[in-house]
Protein backbone atom coordinates (compact mmCIF):
# COMPACT_ATOMS: atom_id res chain seq x y z
CA MET A 1 1.24 54.96 -2.57
CA GLU A 2 4.23 52.79 -1.71
CA GLN A 3 1.99 49.71 -1.65
CA ASN A 4 0.74 50.55 -5.16
CA ASN A 5 4.32 50.83 -6.47
CA PHE A 6 5.20 47.49 -4.91
CA ILE A 7 2.25 45.84 -6.62
CA GLN A 8 3.16 47.44 -9.95
CA ASP A 9 6.75 46.17 -9.59
CA GLN A 10 5.48 42.66 -8.86
CA VAL A 11 3.18 42.74 -11.91
CA LYS A 12 6.02 44.01 -14.11
CA ALA A 13 8.38 41.28 -12.84
CA THR A 14 5.74 38.64 -13.50
CA MET A 15 5.09 39.86 -17.04
CA GLU A 16 8.82 39.90 -17.79
CA SER A 17 9.23 36.35 -16.53
CA ILE A 18 6.76 34.94 -19.07
CA GLU A 19 8.28 36.59 -22.15
CA GLY A 20 10.37 33.58 -23.19
CA ILE A 21 7.64 30.98 -22.81
CA SER A 22 6.78 28.97 -25.90
CA LYS A 23 3.85 26.71 -26.67
CA ALA A 24 4.12 23.24 -25.14
CA GLY A 25 4.21 20.34 -27.56
CA PRO A 26 4.16 16.55 -27.39
CA ARG A 27 7.27 14.40 -27.36
CA PRO A 28 8.65 13.20 -30.68
CA PHE A 29 6.62 10.54 -32.50
CA PHE A 30 3.66 10.99 -30.12
CA TYR A 31 1.07 11.02 -32.86
CA SER A 32 2.50 7.98 -34.64
CA ARG A 33 2.49 6.00 -31.38
CA LEU A 34 -1.04 7.16 -30.60
CA HIS A 35 -2.23 6.19 -34.07
CA ALA A 36 -0.61 2.75 -33.82
CA ARG A 37 -2.14 2.11 -30.42
CA MET A 38 -5.60 3.19 -31.51
CA HIS A 39 -5.53 0.91 -34.53
CA ARG A 40 -4.04 -2.10 -32.79
CA SER A 41 -6.51 -4.90 -33.41
CA THR A 42 -5.37 -7.48 -30.89
CA LYS A 43 -5.42 -6.92 -27.17
CA ASN A 44 -3.09 -8.92 -25.03
CA ILE A 45 -4.15 -10.63 -21.83
CA TRP A 46 -2.75 -7.88 -19.62
CA ASP A 47 -4.87 -5.21 -21.29
CA GLU A 48 -7.99 -7.29 -20.77
CA LEU A 49 -7.04 -8.02 -17.15
CA VAL A 50 -6.52 -4.34 -16.38
CA VAL A 51 -9.85 -3.45 -17.96
CA PHE A 52 -11.58 -6.16 -15.91
CA LEU A 53 -9.93 -5.18 -12.61
CA ALA A 54 -10.60 -1.48 -13.18
CA ARG A 55 -14.34 -2.00 -13.03
CA PRO A 56 -15.70 -0.45 -9.84
CA ALA A 57 -17.64 -3.58 -8.80
CA VAL A 58 -14.59 -5.82 -9.17
CA ALA A 59 -12.30 -3.36 -7.40
CA LEU A 60 -14.77 -3.02 -4.52
CA ALA A 61 -15.12 -6.81 -4.26
CA ILE A 62 -11.33 -7.24 -4.10
CA ILE A 63 -11.00 -4.56 -1.42
CA LEU A 64 -13.77 -6.14 0.66
CA LEU A 65 -12.17 -9.57 0.27
CA VAL A 66 -8.81 -8.27 1.51
CA ILE A 67 -10.47 -6.58 4.49
CA PHE A 68 -12.39 -9.78 5.31
CA VAL A 69 -9.27 -11.96 5.15
CA ASN A 70 -7.30 -9.54 7.34
CA THR A 71 -10.11 -9.31 9.90
CA THR A 72 -10.43 -13.09 10.03
CA ALA A 73 -6.68 -13.51 10.54
CA ILE A 74 -6.64 -10.94 13.34
CA LEU A 75 -9.58 -12.53 15.13
CA GLN A 76 -8.09 -16.00 14.89
CA GLU A 77 -4.78 -14.73 16.24
CA GLN A 78 -6.58 -13.15 19.20
CA GLU A 79 -8.41 -16.41 19.93
CA PHE A 80 -5.11 -18.32 19.77
CA VAL A 81 -3.45 -15.88 22.17
CA SER A 82 -6.38 -16.05 24.59
CA GLU A 83 -6.33 -19.90 24.48
CA GLN A 84 -2.61 -19.87 25.30
CA ALA A 85 -3.28 -17.48 28.17
CA ASN A 86 -5.97 -19.84 29.51
CA GLU A 87 -3.60 -22.81 29.25
CA MET A 88 -0.95 -20.93 31.17
CA THR A 89 -3.50 -20.10 33.86
CA VAL A 90 -4.50 -23.76 34.24
CA SER A 91 -0.88 -24.88 34.54
CA ASP A 92 -0.19 -22.17 37.08
CA GLU A 93 -3.22 -23.20 39.14
CA TYR A 94 -2.14 -26.83 39.38
CA ALA A 95 1.55 -25.96 39.77
CA ILE A 96 2.60 -28.19 36.91
CA ALA A 97 6.35 -28.16 36.60
CA SER A 98 8.18 -29.56 33.64
CA ASN A 99 11.63 -30.98 34.10
CA SER A 100 13.82 -31.78 31.19
CA TYR A 101 16.48 -34.44 30.85
CA SER A 102 19.20 -31.80 30.88
CA ASP A 103 18.19 -30.74 34.39
CA TYR A 104 19.15 -34.16 35.75
CA VAL A 105 22.25 -34.71 33.63
CA ASN A 106 23.94 -31.37 34.19
CA GLN A 107 23.84 -31.35 37.95
CA GLU A 108 27.10 -30.62 39.68
CA PRO A 109 28.42 -33.19 42.20
CA GLU A 110 28.31 -32.22 45.82
């Protein structure tokens, strides 16, 4: 019984909250702007570009191109890093030491 009263109170509160609602309408001058846009005879380059890029085939091609370029860049970076690692291994094997001019000039006298 108490549950039924609670539900009835909730329904009553909901019905009272929608008493002041009015019909939604468009913003001012919506219809005149819509009419002008529908009857505009010339399309600018941006409208045509958006229409072209919005085609599913073009959008899919662009996405695949971006994925391909990113994958290629990642793979080339990995090859570069592995080549540098191999070069470091070769220099470590042969104990190649590099001395710079500053090593000889900045020595302290004994």
